Protein backbone atom coordinates (compact mmCIF):
# COMPACT_ATOMS: atom_id res chain seq x y z
CA MET A 1 228.91 -46.62 -48.82
CA ALA A 2 229.33 -45.52 -52.06
CA ILE A 3 231.78 -46.25 -54.67
CA GLU A 4 234.82 -43.71 -54.11
CA VAL A 5 236.75 -41.15 -56.56
CA GLY A 6 239.35 -42.84 -58.77
CA THR A 7 238.12 -46.45 -58.31
CA LYS A 8 236.56 -48.37 -60.94
CA ALA A 9 233.08 -48.51 -61.51
CA PRO A 10 231.55 -51.93 -61.04
CA ASP A 11 230.75 -53.11 -64.60
CA PHE A 12 226.76 -54.11 -65.05
CA GLU A 13 224.65 -55.62 -67.58
CA LEU A 14 220.94 -54.77 -66.84
CA LYS A 15 217.75 -54.37 -69.08
CA ASP A 16 216.28 -51.08 -70.62
CA ASN A 17 213.09 -50.05 -70.54
CA HIS A 18 213.23 -51.46 -74.15
CA GLY A 19 214.45 -54.94 -73.05
CA ARG A 20 217.43 -54.44 -74.27
CA THR A 21 220.40 -55.01 -72.51
CA VAL A 22 222.78 -52.46 -71.38
CA LYS A 23 226.36 -53.25 -70.01
CA LEU A 24 228.50 -50.42 -68.81
CA SER A 25 231.79 -52.05 -70.42
CA ASP A 26 229.99 -51.20 -74.00
CA PHE A 27 231.12 -47.48 -73.27
CA ARG A 28 234.18 -47.88 -72.26
CA GLY A 29 236.64 -46.04 -74.52
CA GLU A 30 234.05 -44.79 -76.06
CA LYS A 31 232.11 -42.19 -73.66
CA ASN A 32 231.81 -41.07 -70.53
CA VAL A 33 228.91 -42.03 -68.63
CA VAL A 34 226.76 -40.32 -66.06
CA LEU A 35 225.21 -42.77 -64.02
CA LEU A 36 222.16 -42.29 -61.40
CA PHE A 37 220.15 -44.34 -59.81
CA TYR A 38 216.49 -42.59 -58.42
CA PRO A 39 214.50 -44.20 -55.99
CA PHE A 40 210.91 -45.05 -58.21
CA ALA A 41 209.54 -43.71 -61.33
CA PHE A 42 205.82 -41.73 -61.36
CA THR A 43 207.38 -40.00 -58.14
CA GLY A 44 207.38 -36.28 -57.74
CA VAL A 45 210.97 -35.34 -57.03
CA CYS A 46 211.85 -38.34 -59.51
CA THR A 47 209.80 -37.45 -62.42
CA GLY A 48 211.24 -33.78 -62.18
CA GLU A 49 215.09 -34.76 -62.08
CA LEU A 50 214.57 -37.18 -64.79
CA CYS A 51 212.37 -34.78 -67.14
CA ALA A 52 215.10 -31.79 -66.26
CA LEU A 53 217.65 -34.30 -67.72
CA ARG A 54 215.44 -34.45 -70.87
CA ASP A 55 214.85 -30.76 -71.33
CA ASN A 56 218.96 -31.09 -71.23
CA LEU A 57 220.11 -33.85 -72.96
CA PRO A 58 222.71 -31.94 -75.70
CA GLN A 59 224.58 -30.84 -72.28
CA PHE A 60 225.40 -34.12 -71.82
CA THR A 61 225.43 -35.86 -75.44
CA ASP A 62 227.92 -32.70 -76.81
CA ARG A 63 230.24 -33.64 -73.77
CA ASP A 64 230.36 -37.29 -75.43
CA THR A 65 228.67 -38.55 -72.54
CA GLN A 66 225.67 -41.08 -72.52
CA LEU A 67 223.06 -40.67 -69.51
CA LEU A 68 222.17 -44.37 -67.71
CA ALA A 69 219.23 -43.82 -65.13
CA VAL A 70 218.62 -46.85 -62.67
CA SER A 71 216.02 -47.48 -60.43
CA ASN A 72 214.48 -50.65 -58.87
CA ASP A 73 211.14 -50.35 -60.93
CA SER A 74 210.37 -53.22 -63.57
CA ILE A 75 211.66 -52.86 -67.50
CA HIS A 76 207.63 -52.72 -68.15
CA THR A 77 206.86 -49.90 -64.85
CA LEU A 78 210.30 -47.92 -67.10
CA ARG A 79 208.51 -48.04 -70.17
CA VAL A 80 205.63 -46.51 -69.44
CA PHE A 81 206.89 -43.89 -67.41
CA ALA A 82 209.87 -43.47 -70.34
CA GLU A 83 206.73 -43.16 -72.56
CA GLN A 84 204.58 -40.79 -70.56
CA GLU A 85 207.50 -38.79 -69.90
CA GLY A 86 209.18 -38.35 -73.37
CA LEU A 87 211.95 -39.51 -72.03
CA GLU A 88 214.89 -40.72 -74.67
CA TYR A 89 217.32 -42.38 -72.59
CA PRO A 90 217.96 -45.29 -71.01
CA LEU A 91 215.80 -46.12 -68.00
CA LEU A 92 217.66 -48.94 -66.34
CA SER A 93 215.62 -52.17 -63.83
CA ASP A 94 217.37 -53.32 -61.56
CA PHE A 95 215.06 -54.93 -60.39
CA TRP A 96 215.86 -58.84 -60.02
CA PRO A 97 217.96 -59.64 -58.43
CA HIS A 98 216.39 -57.06 -56.58
CA GLY A 99 218.96 -54.21 -55.97
CA GLU A 100 221.92 -56.07 -56.76
CA VAL A 101 223.68 -52.83 -58.92
CA SER A 102 222.58 -50.18 -56.86
CA ARG A 103 223.87 -52.37 -54.08
CA ALA A 104 227.38 -52.94 -55.65
CA TYR A 105 227.23 -49.08 -56.40
CA GLY A 106 226.44 -48.51 -52.41
CA VAL A 107 223.20 -46.76 -53.35
CA PHE A 108 220.79 -49.30 -52.01
CA ASP A 109 218.41 -48.44 -48.60
CA GLU A 110 217.63 -51.50 -47.26
CA ASP A 111 215.05 -49.80 -44.88
CA LYS A 112 213.25 -48.96 -47.92
CA GLY A 113 214.01 -51.50 -50.31
CA CYS A 114 215.16 -48.96 -53.01
CA ALA A 115 217.85 -47.00 -54.17
CA VAL A 116 218.64 -43.39 -53.09
CA ARG A 117 219.39 -40.59 -55.06
CA GLY A 118 223.13 -41.60 -56.10
CA THR A 119 225.11 -39.79 -59.07
CA PHE A 120 228.54 -41.34 -60.86
CA VAL A 121 230.68 -39.65 -63.31
CA ILE A 122 232.67 -42.16 -65.10
CA ASP A 123 235.29 -41.53 -67.60
CA LYS A 124 235.98 -43.61 -70.56
CA ASP A 125 238.64 -45.19 -68.78
CA GLY A 126 235.62 -46.57 -66.62
CA VAL A 127 237.26 -44.65 -63.68
CA VAL A 128 235.00 -42.98 -61.19
CA ARG A 129 235.57 -39.32 -61.09
CA TRP A 130 233.24 -37.51 -59.50
CA THR A 131 230.32 -38.99 -57.23
CA VAL A 132 227.17 -37.42 -55.24
CA GLU A 133 224.52 -39.50 -52.74
CA ASN A 134 221.38 -37.07 -51.72
CA GLY A 135 219.20 -38.17 -49.69
CA LEU A 136 215.79 -39.86 -50.87
CA PRO A 137 213.57 -36.16 -50.90
CA ASP A 138 216.55 -34.08 -51.87
CA ALA A 139 216.35 -33.10 -55.85
CA ARG A 140 219.98 -32.70 -57.49
CA ASP A 141 221.30 -30.13 -59.52
CA LEU A 142 222.00 -31.55 -63.11
CA ASN A 143 224.76 -28.52 -63.35
CA ASP A 144 226.80 -30.42 -60.66
CA TYR A 145 227.19 -33.17 -63.42
CA VAL A 146 227.90 -31.37 -66.18
CA LYS A 147 230.54 -29.13 -64.40
CA ALA A 148 232.60 -32.54 -63.67
CA LEU A 149 232.13 -33.89 -66.96
CA ASP A 150 233.80 -29.82 -67.61
CA THR A 151 237.14 -31.28 -65.39
CA LEU A 152 237.19 -35.06 -67.56
């Protein structure tokens, strides 16, 4: 079961596509965070979603928001994926321990071995203010994130 609105977002520390450590708590008091989990790099729906975010990045940065995308791919896979697609926001690897952060947020599909499409809008105090979970084949609408950010 996914984390509920109004609860403190579990802190985590993951490597990004450049091998840098990213901690959720580093943004506390500084920026809102849109944390989105996606199944796998290089798949059709995931690529479409992440490229739509790339193309609309100012909608997030203009709202003092950090976008963090998490999959269970290795950092090496994420590096190539980001370079190929021109993604300039952090792609975080929840590869090992496999799916640990995805499980903490309640969005890991044990049967498929990957995260489902879970999205969490986290305010500057580290509290989850909005969330949505889509099935593996169902793309999310980034305008929903923007609307949620406008309520903070």
